[in-house]
Every structure is written in C-alpha cells, then in structure tokens.
C-alpha atoms as a PDB file:
ATOM      1  CA  MET A   1    -235.724  20.443 -84.444  1.00  0.00           C
ATOM      2  CA  ASP A   2    -239.293  21.208 -83.401  1.00  0.00           C
ATOM      3  CA  ILE A   3    -240.059  23.658 -80.682  1.00  0.00           C
ATOM      4  CA  GLN A   4    -243.306  23.992 -78.656  1.00  0.00           C
ATOM      5  CA  ARG A   5    -243.999  27.188 -76.480  1.00  0.00           C
ATOM      6  CA  SER A   6    -246.545  27.326 -73.765  1.00  0.00           C
ATOM      7  CA  SER A   7    -247.718  30.627 -72.061  1.00  0.00           C
ATOM      8  CA  ALA A   8    -248.266  31.144 -68.371  1.00  0.00           C
ATOM      9  CA  SER A   9    -251.905  29.885 -68.804  1.00  0.00           C
ATOM     10  CA  ARG A  10    -251.820  26.184 -68.085  1.00  0.00           C
ATOM     11  CA  TYR A  11    -253.930  25.257 -70.866  1.00  0.00           C
ATOM     12  CA  THR A  12    -253.100  27.984 -73.365  1.00  0.00           C
ATOM     13  CA  LYS A  13    -250.527  26.693 -75.770  1.00  0.00           C
ATOM     14  CA  ALA A  14    -248.746  28.049 -78.940  1.00  0.00           C
ATOM     15  CA  THR A  15    -246.924  25.193 -80.950  1.00  0.00           C
ATOM     16  CA  ILE A  16    -244.357  26.166 -83.363  1.00  0.00           C
ATOM     17  CA  ALA A  17    -242.792  23.472 -85.844  1.00  0.00           C
ATOM     18  CA  ILE A  18    -239.580  25.183 -86.806  1.00  0.00           C
ATOM     19  CA  ALA A  19    -238.641  22.752 -89.784  1.00  0.00           C
ATOM     20  CA  ALA A  20    -241.964  23.696 -91.504  1.00  0.00           C
ATOM     21  CA  VAL A  21    -242.094  27.109 -90.255  1.00  0.00           C
ATOM     22  CA  VAL A  22    -245.761  26.600 -89.288  1.00  0.00           C
ATOM     23  CA  LEU A  23    -247.353  28.434 -86.271  1.00  0.00           C
ATOM     24  CA  VAL A  24    -250.421  26.655 -84.758  1.00  0.00           C
ATOM     25  CA  LEU A  25    -252.289  28.506 -81.885  1.00  0.00           C
ATOM     26  CA  SER A  26    -254.602  26.523 -79.544  1.00  0.00           C
ATOM     27  CA  LEU A  27    -256.280  28.597 -76.928  1.00  0.00           C
ATOM     28  CA  GLY A  28    -258.749  27.318 -74.284  1.00  0.00           C
ATOM     29  CA  LEU A  29    -259.284  26.216 -70.758  1.00  0.00           C
ATOM     30  CA  LEU A  30    -259.568  22.503 -71.226  1.00  0.00           C
ATOM     31  CA  GLY A  31    -258.792  20.296 -68.104  1.00  0.00           C
ATOM     32  CA  PRO A  32    -256.965  16.952 -68.692  1.00  0.00           C
ATOM     33  CA  ARG A  33    -260.347  14.956 -68.368  1.00  0.00           C
ATOM     34  CA  MET A  34    -262.035  17.102 -71.079  1.00  0.00           C
ATOM     35  CA  ALA A  35    -258.963  16.979 -73.282  1.00  0.00           C
ATOM     36  CA  ALA A  36    -259.119  13.152 -73.127  1.00  0.00           C
ATOM     37  CA  VAL A  37    -262.840  13.068 -74.080  1.00  0.00           C
ATOM     38  CA  LEU A  38    -262.313  15.465 -76.922  1.00  0.00           C
ATOM     39  CA  SER A  39    -259.429  13.299 -78.317  1.00  0.00           C
ATOM     40  CA  GLY A  40    -261.409  10.128 -78.463  1.00  0.00           C
ATOM     41  CA  GLY A  41    -260.337   8.534 -75.133  1.00  0.00           C
ATOM     42  CA  PHE A  42    -262.160   7.434 -72.105  1.00  0.00           C
ATOM     43  CA  THR A  43    -260.547   8.427 -68.890  1.00  0.00           C
ATOM     44  CA  ARG A  44    -260.151   5.534 -66.341  1.00  0.00           C
ATOM     45  CA  SER A  45    -258.694   5.507 -62.820  1.00  0.00           C
ATOM     46  CA  ALA A  46    -255.800   3.463 -62.129  1.00  0.00           C
ATOM     47  CA  PRO A  47    -256.111   0.754 -59.226  1.00  0.00           C
ATOM     48  CA  GLY A  48    -255.424   2.591 -56.114  1.00  0.00           C
ATOM     49  CA  GLY A  49    -256.285   5.912 -57.634  1.00  0.00           C
ATOM     50  CA  ALA A  50    -252.902   7.352 -58.016  1.00  0.00           C
ATOM     51  CA  PHE A  51    -253.422   8.438 -61.590  1.00  0.00           C
ATOM     52  CA  GLU A  52    -256.042   8.485 -64.445  1.00  0.00           C
ATOM     53  CA  TYR A  53    -255.450   7.590 -68.000  1.00  0.00           C
ATOM     54  CA  ALA A  54    -256.996   7.636 -71.528  1.00  0.00           C
ATOM     55  CA  VAL A  55    -256.255   5.086 -74.174  1.00  0.00           C
ATOM     56  CA  HIS A  56    -256.299   6.112 -77.867  1.00  0.00           C
ATOM     57  CA  ARG A  57    -256.131   3.377 -80.547  1.00  0.00           C
ATOM     58  CA  GLU A  58    -255.676   4.245 -84.272  1.00  0.00           C
ATOM     59  CA  HIS A  59    -254.246   2.353 -87.289  1.00  0.00           C
ATOM     60  CA  GLY A  60    -252.788  -0.238 -85.086  1.00  0.00           C
ATOM     61  CA  SER A  61    -250.871   2.012 -82.636  1.00  0.00           C
ATOM     62  CA  VAL A  62    -251.844   2.806 -79.106  1.00  0.00           C
ATOM     63  CA  GLU A  63    -251.192   5.950 -77.244  1.00  0.00           C
ATOM     64  CA  ILE A  64    -251.941   6.620 -73.606  1.00  0.00           C
ATOM     65  CA  ASP A  65    -252.362   9.925 -71.725  1.00  0.00           C
ATOM     66  CA  VAL A  66    -251.864   9.917 -67.995  1.00  0.00           C
ATOM     67  CA  THR A  67    -253.083  12.664 -65.853  1.00  0.00           C
ATOM     68  CA  PHE A  68    -253.129  13.443 -62.072  1.00  0.00           C
ATOM     69  CA  SER A  69    -256.357  12.102 -60.366  1.00  0.00           C
ATOM     70  CA  GLY A  70    -259.246  14.276 -59.526  1.00  0.00           C
ATOM     71  CA  ARG A  71    -258.630  18.002 -60.246  1.00  0.00           C
ATOM     72  CA  GLY A  72    -254.825  17.630 -60.079  1.00  0.00           C
ATOM     73  CA  GLY A  73    -254.626  19.581 -56.760  1.00  0.00           C
ATOM     74  CA  ARG A  74    -251.681  19.483 -54.264  1.00  0.00           C
ATOM     75  CA  ALA A  75    -253.039  16.258 -52.580  1.00  0.00           C
ATOM     76  CA  ASP A  76    -253.554  14.650 -55.971  1.00  0.00           C
ATOM     77  CA  VAL A  77    -249.956  15.514 -57.113  1.00  0.00           C
ATOM     78  CA  GLN A  78    -248.556  14.351 -53.710  1.00  0.00           C
ATOM     79  CA  ARG A  79    -250.422  11.040 -54.051  1.00  0.00           C
ATOM     80  CA  TYR A  80    -248.860  10.685 -57.601  1.00  0.00           C
ATOM     81  CA  LEU A  81    -245.386  11.482 -56.248  1.00  0.00           C
ATOM     82  CA  GLU A  82    -245.708   8.887 -53.513  1.00  0.00           C
ATOM     83  CA  ALA A  83    -246.876   6.091 -55.981  1.00  0.00           C
ATOM     84  CA  ASN A  84    -243.986   6.879 -58.218  1.00  0.00           C
ATOM     85  CA  ALA A  85    -241.357   6.561 -55.414  1.00  0.00           C
ATOM     86  CA  ALA A  86    -242.704   3.336 -54.277  1.00  0.00           C
ATOM     87  CA  ARG A  87    -242.965   2.012 -57.814  1.00  0.00           C
ATOM     88  CA  ALA A  88    -239.419   3.166 -58.555  1.00  0.00           C
ATOM     89  CA  GLN A  89    -238.102   1.322 -55.623  1.00  0.00           C
ATOM     90  CA  ALA A  90    -240.043  -1.772 -56.688  1.00  0.00           C
ATOM     91  CA  LEU A  91    -238.591  -1.607 -60.280  1.00  0.00           C
ATOM     92  CA  LEU A  92    -234.995  -1.403 -58.948  1.00  0.00           C
ATOM     93  CA  ARG A  93    -235.591  -4.732 -57.244  1.00  0.00           C
ATOM     94  CA  SER A  94    -237.606  -6.630 -60.028  1.00  0.00           C
ATOM     95  CA  ALA A  95    -237.177  -4.953 -63.340  1.00  0.00           C
ATOM     96  CA  VAL A  96    -233.349  -4.230 -63.834  1.00  0.00           C
ATOM     97  CA  GLY A  97    -232.550  -4.072 -67.417  1.00  0.00           C
ATOM     98  CA  GLU A  98    -235.907  -3.136 -68.674  1.00  0.00           C
ATOM     99  CA  ARG A  99    -236.583  -0.132 -70.798  1.00  0.00           C
ATOM    100  CA  LEU A 100    -238.764   2.539 -69.297  1.00  0.00           C
ATOM    101  CA  ARG A 101    -240.383   5.682 -70.827  1.00  0.00           C
ATOM    102  CA  THR A 102    -239.981   8.535 -68.320  1.00  0.00           C
ATOM    103  CA  THR A 103    -240.699  12.225 -67.745  1.00  0.00           C
ATOM    104  CA  ILE A 104    -238.130  13.780 -65.515  1.00  0.00           C
ATOM    105  CA  THR A 105    -239.094  16.946 -63.690  1.00  0.00           C
ATOM    106  CA  PHE A 106    -236.339  18.951 -61.971  1.00  0.00           C
ATOM    107  CA  ALA A 107    -236.479  20.626 -58.658  1.00  0.00           C
ATOM    108  CA  ARG A 108    -235.304  23.974 -60.039  1.00  0.00           C
ATOM    109  CA  PRO A 109    -234.443  25.282 -63.519  1.00  0.00           C
ATOM    110  CA  LEU A 110    -231.108  23.862 -64.780  1.00  0.00           C
ATOM    111  CA  PRO A 111    -228.768  25.111 -67.395  1.00  0.00           C
ATOM    112  CA  ALA A 112    -228.278  23.355 -70.550  1.00  0.00           C
ATOM    113  CA  ARG A 113    -224.771  21.994 -69.877  1.00  0.00           C
ATOM    114  CA  GLU A 114    -225.828  20.717 -66.363  1.00  0.00           C
ATOM    115  CA  VAL A 115    -228.967  19.026 -67.840  1.00  0.00           C
ATOM    116  CA  GLU A 116    -226.807  17.195 -70.543  1.00  0.00           C
ATOM    117  CA  GLN A 117    -224.213  15.974 -67.880  1.00  0.00           C
ATOM    118  CA  LEU A 118    -227.044  14.775 -65.579  1.00  0.00           C
ATOM    119  CA  LEU A 119    -228.614  12.766 -68.355  1.00  0.00           C
ATOM    120  CA  ARG A 120    -225.360  11.491 -69.754  1.00  0.00           C
ATOM    121  CA  ASN A 121    -224.350  10.180 -66.217  1.00  0.00           C
ATOM    122  CA  ALA A 122    -227.738   8.515 -65.824  1.00  0.00           C
ATOM    123  CA  GLY A 123    -227.844   6.941 -69.345  1.00  0.00           C
ATOM    124  CA  VAL A 124    -231.081   8.882 -70.311  1.00  0.00           C
ATOM    125  CA  GLU A 125    -231.913   8.985 -74.014  1.00  0.00           C
ATOM    126  CA  ALA A 126    -233.827  12.348 -74.162  1.00  0.00           C
ATOM    127  CA  ALA A 127    -236.517  12.983 -76.737  1.00  0.00           C
ATOM    128  CA  SER A 128    -237.560  16.530 -75.545  1.00  0.00           C
ATOM    129  CA  TYR A 129    -236.459  19.172 -73.198  1.00  0.00           C
ATOM    130  CA  THR A 130    -238.603  21.919 -71.639  1.00  0.00           C
ATOM    131  CA  GLN A 131    -237.310  25.218 -70.612  1.00  0.00           C
ATOM    132  CA  VAL A 132    -239.068  27.871 -68.568  1.00  0.00           C
ATOM    133  CA  GLY A 133    -239.119  31.473 -68.068  1.00  0.00           C
ATOM    134  CA  TRP A 134    -241.090  34.587 -68.411  1.00  0.00           C
ATOM    135  CA  THR A 135    -242.325  36.655 -71.282  1.00  0.00           C
ATOM    136  CA  ALA A 136    -241.386  40.364 -71.677  1.00  0.00           C
ATOM    137  CA  ALA A 137    -244.576  41.133 -69.883  1.00  0.00           C
ATOM    138  CA  GLY A 138    -243.637  38.915 -66.809  1.00  0.00           C
ATOM    139  CA  GLN A 139    -245.978  36.096 -67.497  1.00  0.00           C
ATOM    140  CA  ARG A 140    -244.708  32.512 -66.914  1.00  0.00           C
ATOM    141  CA  MET A 141    -243.928  30.572 -70.148  1.00  0.00           C
ATOM    142  CA  ALA A 142    -242.386  27.102 -71.350  1.00  0.00           C
ATOM    143  CA  SER A 143    -240.739  26.233 -74.485  1.00  0.00           C
ATOM    144  CA  THR A 144    -240.289  22.562 -75.460  1.00  0.00           C
ATOM    145  CA  ILE A 145    -237.425  21.431 -77.812  1.00  0.00           C
ATOM    146  CA  PHE A 146    -237.914  17.974 -79.501  1.00  0.00           C
ATOM    147  CA  ARG A 147    -234.748  16.108 -80.437  1.00  0.00           C
ATOM    148  CA  ASP A 148    -234.278  14.125 -83.553  1.00  0.00           C
ATOM    149  CA  SER A 149    -233.083  10.741 -82.382  1.00  0.00           C
ATOM    150  CA  GLY A 150    -230.777  10.476 -85.439  1.00  0.00           C
ATOM    151  CA  ALA A 151    -229.222  13.951 -84.940  1.00  0.00           C
ATOM    152  CA  THR A 152    -225.396  13.600 -84.173  1.00  0.00           C
ATOM    153  CA  ASP A 153    -224.551  17.399 -83.879  1.00  0.00           C
ATOM    154  CA  PHE A 154    -227.451  18.306 -81.420  1.00  0.00           C
ATOM    155  CA  ASP A 155    -226.489  21.238 -79.168  1.00  0.00           C
ATOM    156  CA  LEU A 156    -229.069  21.750 -76.390  1.00  0.00           C
ATOM    157  CA  GLU A 157    -227.487  25.123 -75.393  1.00  0.00           C
ATOM    158  CA  ARG A 158    -227.710  26.432 -78.886  1.00  0.00           C
ATOM    159  CA  ALA A 159    -231.151  25.042 -79.371  1.00  0.00           C
ATOM    160  CA  ALA A 160    -232.395  26.902 -76.188  1.00  0.00           C
ATOM    161  CA  GLN A 161    -231.303  30.106 -77.574  1.00  0.00           C
ATOM    162  CA  GLU A 162    -233.002  29.557 -81.025  1.00  0.00           C
ATOM    163  CA  ALA A 163    -236.177  28.506 -79.198  1.00  0.00           C
ATOM    164  CA  ILE A 164    -236.986  32.076 -78.148  1.00  0.00           C
ATOM    165  CA  SER A 165    -238.628  33.969 -81.009  1.00  0.00           C
ATOM    166  CA  SER A 166    -236.917  36.956 -82.630  1.00  0.00           C
ATOM    167  CA  ASP A 167    -240.232  38.151 -84.132  1.00  0.00           C
ATOM    168  CA  PRO A 168    -241.304  41.288 -82.259  1.00  0.00           C
ATOM    169  CA  ALA A 169    -244.928  40.106 -82.959  1.00  0.00           C
ATOM    170  CA  ALA A 170    -244.459  36.717 -81.260  1.00  0.00           C
ATOM    171  CA  PRO A 171    -245.731  36.500 -77.561  1.00  0.00           C
ATOM    172  CA  ASP A 172    -242.613  35.170 -76.395  1.00  0.00           C
ATOM    173  CA  TYR A 173    -240.342  37.899 -78.002  1.00  0.00           C
ATOM    174  CA  GLY A 174    -237.668  39.298 -75.500  1.00  0.00           C
ATOM    175  CA  ALA A 175    -238.427  36.361 -73.007  1.00  0.00           C
ATOM    176  CA  THR A 176    -236.108  35.848 -70.066  1.00  0.00           C
ATOM    177  CA  MET A 177    -235.356  32.087 -69.492  1.00  0.00           C
ATOM    178  CA  ALA A 178    -234.532  30.394 -66.245  1.00  0.00           C
ATOM    179  CA  GLY A 179    -233.353  27.061 -67.456  1.00  0.00           C
ATOM    180  CA  PHE A 180    -234.643  23.552 -68.100  1.00  0.00           C
ATOM    181  CA  MET A 181    -237.364  21.946 -65.884  1.00  0.00           C
ATOM    182  CA  VAL A 182    -238.546  18.816 -67.679  1.00  0.00           C
ATOM    183  CA  VAL A 183    -236.991  16.051 -69.849  1.00  0.00           C
ATOM    184  CA  ASP A 184    -238.882  13.353 -71.795  1.00  0.00           C
ATOM    185  CA  GLY A 185    -236.979  10.104 -72.674  1.00  0.00           C
ATOM    186  CA  VAL A 186    -236.056   6.549 -72.025  1.00  0.00           C
ATOM    187  CA  LEU A 187    -233.832   4.860 -69.533  1.00  0.00           C
ATOM    188  CA  THR A 188    -232.736   1.391 -68.657  1.00  0.00           C
ATOM    189  CA  VAL A 189    -233.828   0.519 -65.177  1.00  0.00           C
ATOM    190  CA  SER A 190    -230.690   0.004 -63.098  1.00  0.00           C
ATOM    191  CA  GLU A 191    -228.947   1.687 -59.869  1.00  0.00           C
ATOM    192  CA  GLN A 192    -226.752   3.555 -62.222  1.00  0.00           C
ATOM    193  CA  SER A 193    -229.700   5.096 -64.056  1.00  0.00           C
ATOM    194  CA  LEU A 194    -232.863   5.270 -62.229  1.00  0.00           C
ATOM    195  CA  GLY A 195    -231.257   4.848 -58.802  1.00  0.00           C
ATOM    196  CA  ARG A 196    -229.011   7.659 -59.683  1.00  0.00           C
ATOM    197  CA  LEU A 197    -231.730   9.998 -60.623  1.00  0.00           C
ATOM    198  CA  LEU A 198    -233.846   9.108 -57.549  1.00  0.00           C
ATOM    199  CA  ALA A 199    -230.959   9.962 -55.262  1.00  0.00           C
ATOM    200  CA  ASP A 200    -229.993  13.289 -57.084  1.00  0.00           C
ATOM    201  CA  PRO A 201    -231.389  16.384 -55.125  1.00  0.00           C
ATOM    202  CA  ARG A 202    -231.792  18.278 -58.444  1.00  0.00           C
ATOM    203  CA  VAL A 203    -234.499  15.781 -59.362  1.00  0.00           C
ATOM    204  CA  TYR A 204    -238.070  16.416 -58.184  1.00  0.00           C
ATOM    205  CA  LEU A 205    -239.755  13.510 -60.054  1.00  0.00           C
ATOM    206  CA  VAL A 206    -238.612  10.529 -62.115  1.00  0.00           C
ATOM    207  CA  ASP A 207    -241.943   9.251 -63.606  1.00  0.00           C
ATOM    208  CA  THR A 208    -242.289   5.454 -63.578  1.00  0.00           C
ATOM    209  CA  THR A 209    -245.998   5.447 -64.365  1.00  0.00           C
ATOM    210  CA  ALA A 210    -245.488   4.244 -67.975  1.00  0.00           C
ATOM    211  CA  TYR A 211    -244.257   0.897 -66.762  1.00  0.00           C
ATOM    212  CA  GLU A 212    -247.582   0.254 -64.871  1.00  0.00           C
ATOM    213  CA  VAL A 213    -250.080   1.885 -67.375  1.00  0.00           C
ATOM    214  CA  GLN A 214    -248.657  -0.271 -70.371  1.00  0.00           C
ATOM    215  CA  LYS A 215    -249.287  -3.381 -68.360  1.00  0.00           C
ATOM    216  CA  LEU A 216    -252.818  -2.168 -67.384  1.00  0.00           C
ATOM    217  CA  VAL A 217    -253.509  -1.591 -71.080  1.00  0.00           C
ATOM    218  CA  GLY A 218    -251.805  -4.707 -72.170  1.00  0.00           C
ATOM    219  CA  VAL A 219    -249.484  -2.935 -74.793  1.00  0.00           C
ATOM    220  CA  ALA A 220    -245.971  -2.961 -73.886  1.00  0.00           C
ATOM    221  CA  ASP A 221    -244.736  -0.640 -76.603  1.00  0.00           C
ATOM    222  CA  ALA A 222    -247.525   1.885 -76.147  1.00  0.00           C
ATOM    223  CA  ALA A 223    -246.580   5.500 -76.299  1.00  0.00           C
ATOM    224  CA  VAL A 224    -247.237   7.166 -72.914  1.00  0.00           C
ATOM    225  CA  ARG A 225    -247.669  10.892 -72.322  1.00  0.00           C
ATOM    226  CA  LEU A 226    -247.054  11.783 -68.693  1.00  0.00           C
ATOM    227  CA  PRO A 227    -247.991  14.752 -66.546  1.00  0.00           C
ATOM    228  CA  THR A 228    -245.474  16.977 -64.860  1.00  0.00           C
ATOM    229  CA  PRO A 229    -246.087  19.626 -62.061  1.00  0.00           C
ATOM    230  CA  PHE A 230    -243.410  21.820 -63.223  1.00  0.00           C
ATOM    231  CA  TRP A 231    -245.756  24.857 -63.495  1.00  0.00           C
ATOM    232  CA  ASP A 232    -246.426  24.704 -59.832  1.00  0.00           C
ATOM    233  CA  LEU A 233    -242.732  24.501 -58.772  1.00  0.00           C
ATOM    234  CA  ASP A 234    -240.411  27.519 -57.816  1.00  0.00           C
ATOM    235  CA  TRP A 235    -238.584  28.727 -60.908  1.00  0.00           C
ATOM    236  CA  GLY A 236    -236.549  31.386 -59.055  1.00  0.00           C
ATOM    237  CA  ASP A 237    -236.564  35.219 -59.604  1.00  0.00           C
ATOM    238  CA  ARG A 238    -236.832  36.475 -63.168  1.00  0.00           C
END
C-alpha cells in the first residue's frame, strides 16, 4: 500500500511510499501548465475549450495529464463540470459496456465504509482513495492511499488510520481527518454504474474526460490523470 500526502498548499506535496519507507518532499508553486512543460509534455486545448491536456510518450507507453482550462478558476471548473455532465449522458446512450477510467469527487467527505458501499453498488474498481482533513496546526491536507489491484485483504478503514503519520516530526502528525473526497478507478459504462453515480447526491463529479482525450490522442489504453476540484469544496468543520 502506497500513501501520498498533500499539504494545504495546492502545489506543495509530500509523497510517502510506505512499502519502501521512502519519504520524498517536493515543494514549489508550479501551476498545471508549467508542470506539464517541465515533465516533457506540450499542453493543448481540447475542442470546445472544456479542458487542456499534455501527452507524454516514453518507451512505448502513453500518459495524458488533463487540467482545467485557463487558470482553473471557478468559471473554468464550471465549464469542465458541464462538459462532463453532457458527455456522461452521451456515453449512457452510445457507449454502454465500455470501460472508463474515472476520477470521482464527492460533494462532502465520506467515511470509509460508506465509500466502499457506494463503489461496490456502482461496480467501480478503485485504484486510489484520497482522504482530507487538517494538520494539527489547522492547515488543510490530503492523504492518498493506492490500492494494489491484486490485494484480497484490503481494508480501507484500516488503511485510512495507517495513512496518518505517527512520527511527531512529520507535518501531518496529529492530523484530524474528515473523510474521503476522491476516488480514482475504472467503471463499465451502464445505468447501473455511471448512471447510478450521476444520480447520487453524494457525488459531485464523475469524470468522463478520459473517454474523450484518449480518442483525441488516438491511444485507447493511454493512462489518464484527471483533475479534481476537491480542494475548493466544503470539508465541514474540523
């Protein structure tokens, strides 16, 4: 199980690979466009301007980073949400049975058991889960848990507890967690899966952009990293 923690600063990250007991700190104020340039990609705007993307090709594999258009302000995010809603309805009419990489953002932090039940009912195969909360100093933070696809004894509630550092020297020591806000994974397009998530009031965004951007790039199996506005949503009181 790998765990990634992010501090309240949107672009300040601390990544922790638990299995290797390696701590890597990456500090900076890099926007998504600059990050794409530094990683070797060239940022392009999608037709209609609903999102931007950068393509990275290496050793035969293709990775695509999707970001909100422009500066990622409220209007940019709203345009992204509307494009996703329209695309999702189109997929339910024309792409039933197809596999879809997705990032699901919840409207509010959810407890582990509720997340697991929600995903199980919708047939989502989760790859990672991001919980949110506050450091002991009161700063917003996020912690991402990556699930091994072959694991048979995975327990999200236990993993959530283990994700918070017990080292007093760590920045998230003594953190207070509100619940889970984001899940990355795969679903099969259907009313029982995508349709159920779209109708669930606990779900803020079911991202369907991967379907479009893979076709734009012409690589159906490209790995796609999708943005999420969870930092700007209400996490409740500490």
